[in-house]
N, C-alpha and C. Protein backbone atom coordinates (compact mmCIF):
# COMPACT_ATOMS: atom_id res chain seq x y z
N MET A 1 67.47 -14.88 -6.67
CA MET A 1 66.37 -14.18 -7.26
C MET A 1 65.63 -15.17 -8.19
N ALA A 2 66.38 -15.79 -9.10
CA ALA A 2 65.80 -16.78 -10.03
C ALA A 2 64.86 -17.78 -9.35
N GLU A 3 65.40 -18.39 -8.08
CA GLU A 3 64.55 -19.23 -7.41
C GLU A 3 63.24 -18.66 -7.09
N TYR A 4 63.16 -17.42 -6.54
CA TYR A 4 61.96 -16.84 -6.21
C TYR A 4 61.02 -16.62 -7.31
N GLU A 5 61.56 -16.29 -8.49
CA GLU A 5 60.75 -16.20 -9.77
C GLU A 5 60.19 -17.56 -10.29
N GLU A 6 61.08 -18.67 -9.96
CA GLU A 6 60.60 -20.02 -10.46
C GLU A 6 59.38 -20.23 -9.46
N ILE A 7 59.52 -20.02 -8.20
CA ILE A 7 58.35 -20.16 -7.22
C ILE A 7 57.12 -19.60 -7.69
N GLU A 8 57.36 -18.27 -8.06
CA GLU A 8 56.30 -17.50 -8.52
C GLU A 8 55.53 -18.10 -9.81
N LYS A 9 56.26 -18.53 -10.79
CA LYS A 9 55.79 -19.21 -11.91
C LYS A 9 54.95 -20.51 -11.65
N ARG A 10 55.56 -21.34 -10.58
CA ARG A 10 55.22 -22.61 -10.30
C ARG A 10 53.94 -22.55 -9.59
N ASP A 11 53.85 -21.68 -8.48
CA ASP A 11 52.78 -21.73 -7.46
C ASP A 11 51.70 -20.69 -7.73
N PHE A 12 52.02 -19.73 -8.83
CA PHE A 12 50.98 -18.67 -8.97
C PHE A 12 50.70 -18.53 -10.27
N PRO A 13 50.19 -19.52 -11.03
CA PRO A 13 49.82 -19.42 -12.59
C PRO A 13 48.68 -18.53 -12.63
N PRO A 14 48.56 -17.98 -13.95
CA PRO A 14 47.31 -17.02 -14.23
C PRO A 14 46.01 -17.87 -13.94
N GLY A 15 45.04 -17.01 -13.46
CA GLY A 15 43.72 -17.60 -13.12
C GLY A 15 43.45 -18.14 -11.69
N ASN A 16 44.54 -18.27 -10.92
CA ASN A 16 44.36 -18.62 -9.51
C ASN A 16 44.07 -17.52 -8.75
N ASP A 17 42.78 -17.06 -8.50
CA ASP A 17 42.28 -15.87 -7.95
C ASP A 17 41.80 -16.02 -6.66
N SER A 18 42.00 -17.07 -5.87
CA SER A 18 41.57 -17.19 -4.53
C SER A 18 42.10 -16.17 -3.68
N ALA A 19 41.42 -15.82 -2.63
CA ALA A 19 41.92 -14.78 -1.76
C ALA A 19 43.25 -15.26 -1.15
N GLN A 20 43.33 -16.44 -0.61
CA GLN A 20 44.67 -16.99 -0.25
C GLN A 20 45.85 -16.90 -1.10
N ALA A 21 45.63 -17.30 -2.33
CA ALA A 21 46.66 -17.29 -3.39
C ALA A 21 47.04 -15.82 -3.72
N ARG A 22 46.14 -14.94 -3.75
CA ARG A 22 46.35 -13.52 -4.20
C ARG A 22 47.26 -13.00 -3.05
N LEU A 23 46.89 -13.26 -1.79
CA LEU A 23 47.63 -12.67 -0.62
C LEU A 23 49.04 -13.32 -0.53
N GLN A 24 49.10 -14.57 -0.76
CA GLN A 24 50.54 -15.27 -0.69
C GLN A 24 51.32 -14.83 -1.92
N HIS A 25 50.79 -14.47 -3.07
CA HIS A 25 51.57 -14.05 -4.13
C HIS A 25 52.04 -12.53 -3.81
N LEU A 26 51.15 -11.86 -3.23
CA LEU A 26 51.42 -10.47 -2.78
C LEU A 26 52.71 -10.53 -1.95
N VAL A 27 52.67 -11.42 -0.90
CA VAL A 27 53.87 -11.52 0.04
C VAL A 27 55.15 -11.84 -0.77
N LEU A 28 55.01 -12.85 -1.61
CA LEU A 28 56.10 -13.26 -2.41
C LEU A 28 56.62 -12.17 -3.31
N ARG A 29 55.80 -11.28 -3.91
CA ARG A 29 56.26 -10.09 -4.79
C ARG A 29 56.81 -9.14 -3.97
N ALA A 30 56.46 -8.93 -2.64
CA ALA A 30 57.11 -7.96 -1.77
C ALA A 30 58.46 -8.56 -1.55
N GLY A 31 58.78 -9.76 -1.23
CA GLY A 31 59.92 -10.29 -1.06
C GLY A 31 60.96 -10.10 -2.18
N ILE A 32 60.39 -10.42 -3.36
CA ILE A 32 61.18 -10.16 -4.66
C ILE A 32 61.56 -8.68 -4.85
N GLU A 33 60.63 -7.84 -4.58
CA GLU A 33 60.93 -6.42 -4.87
C GLU A 33 61.91 -5.94 -3.81
N LEU A 34 61.81 -6.38 -2.54
CA LEU A 34 62.81 -6.13 -1.61
C LEU A 34 64.20 -6.47 -1.84
N GLU A 35 64.15 -7.80 -2.33
CA GLU A 35 65.65 -8.29 -2.66
C GLU A 35 66.26 -7.60 -3.99
N THR A 36 65.31 -7.23 -4.82
CA THR A 36 65.80 -6.45 -5.90
C THR A 36 66.12 -5.09 -5.49
N PHE A 37 65.61 -4.42 -4.65
CA PHE A 37 65.99 -3.05 -4.21
C PHE A 37 67.39 -3.13 -3.55
N TRP A 38 67.62 -4.10 -2.56
CA TRP A 38 68.78 -4.22 -1.87
C TRP A 38 69.92 -4.60 -2.88
N THR A 39 69.59 -5.39 -3.86
CA THR A 39 70.77 -5.84 -4.73
C THR A 39 71.18 -4.50 -5.67
N GLN A 40 70.24 -3.86 -6.05
CA GLN A 40 70.54 -2.63 -6.84
C GLN A 40 71.20 -1.56 -6.03
N TRP A 41 70.62 -1.36 -4.70
CA TRP A 41 71.21 -0.39 -3.86
C TRP A 41 72.81 -0.81 -3.58
N LEU A 42 73.00 -1.94 -3.22
CA LEU A 42 74.31 -2.44 -2.84
C LEU A 42 75.33 -2.39 -4.05
N THR A 43 74.85 -2.72 -5.23
CA THR A 43 75.60 -2.49 -6.33
C THR A 43 76.07 -1.13 -6.58
N GLU A 44 75.07 -0.09 -6.34
CA GLU A 44 75.40 1.17 -6.58
C GLU A 44 76.41 1.68 -5.47
N ALA A 45 76.12 1.28 -4.21
CA ALA A 45 77.09 1.66 -3.11
C ALA A 45 78.48 1.15 -3.40
N LEU A 46 78.65 0.00 -3.94
CA LEU A 46 79.95 -0.57 -4.21
C LEU A 46 80.63 0.23 -5.27
N ARG A 47 79.81 0.80 -6.28
CA ARG A 47 80.52 1.70 -7.21
C ARG A 47 80.99 2.85 -6.59
N GLU A 48 80.17 3.49 -5.77
CA GLU A 48 80.62 4.82 -5.09
C GLU A 48 81.67 4.52 -4.30
N PHE A 49 81.75 3.52 -3.45
CA PHE A 49 82.99 3.32 -2.63
C PHE A 49 84.24 3.10 -3.48
N ALA A 50 84.10 2.50 -4.56
CA ALA A 50 85.42 2.27 -5.53
C ALA A 50 85.78 3.58 -6.04
N GLU A 51 84.99 4.52 -6.21
CA GLU A 51 85.38 5.81 -6.72
C GLU A 51 85.84 6.83 -5.75
N LEU A 52 85.67 6.53 -4.37
CA LEU A 52 86.06 7.49 -3.30
C LEU A 52 87.54 7.61 -3.34
N PRO A 53 87.95 8.86 -3.00
CA PRO A 53 89.51 9.03 -2.96
C PRO A 53 89.98 8.36 -1.63
N ASP A 54 91.25 7.92 -1.67
CA ASP A 54 91.81 7.47 -0.62
C ASP A 54 91.96 8.53 0.56
N SER A 55 91.76 8.26 1.72
CA SER A 55 91.96 9.41 2.74
C SER A 55 93.09 9.01 3.63
């Protein structure tokens, strides 16, 4: 995740408003948000599994 955030800082500084840069940044943000979602969801799922009674 930190690597993606570094790419964002490096490749998309404020003021770069070309259409191509905006679309590329949008795609990168989608990837970051998707990875964030899965990390949070899987962390929650692991907590739930840990609390399940043995069957």
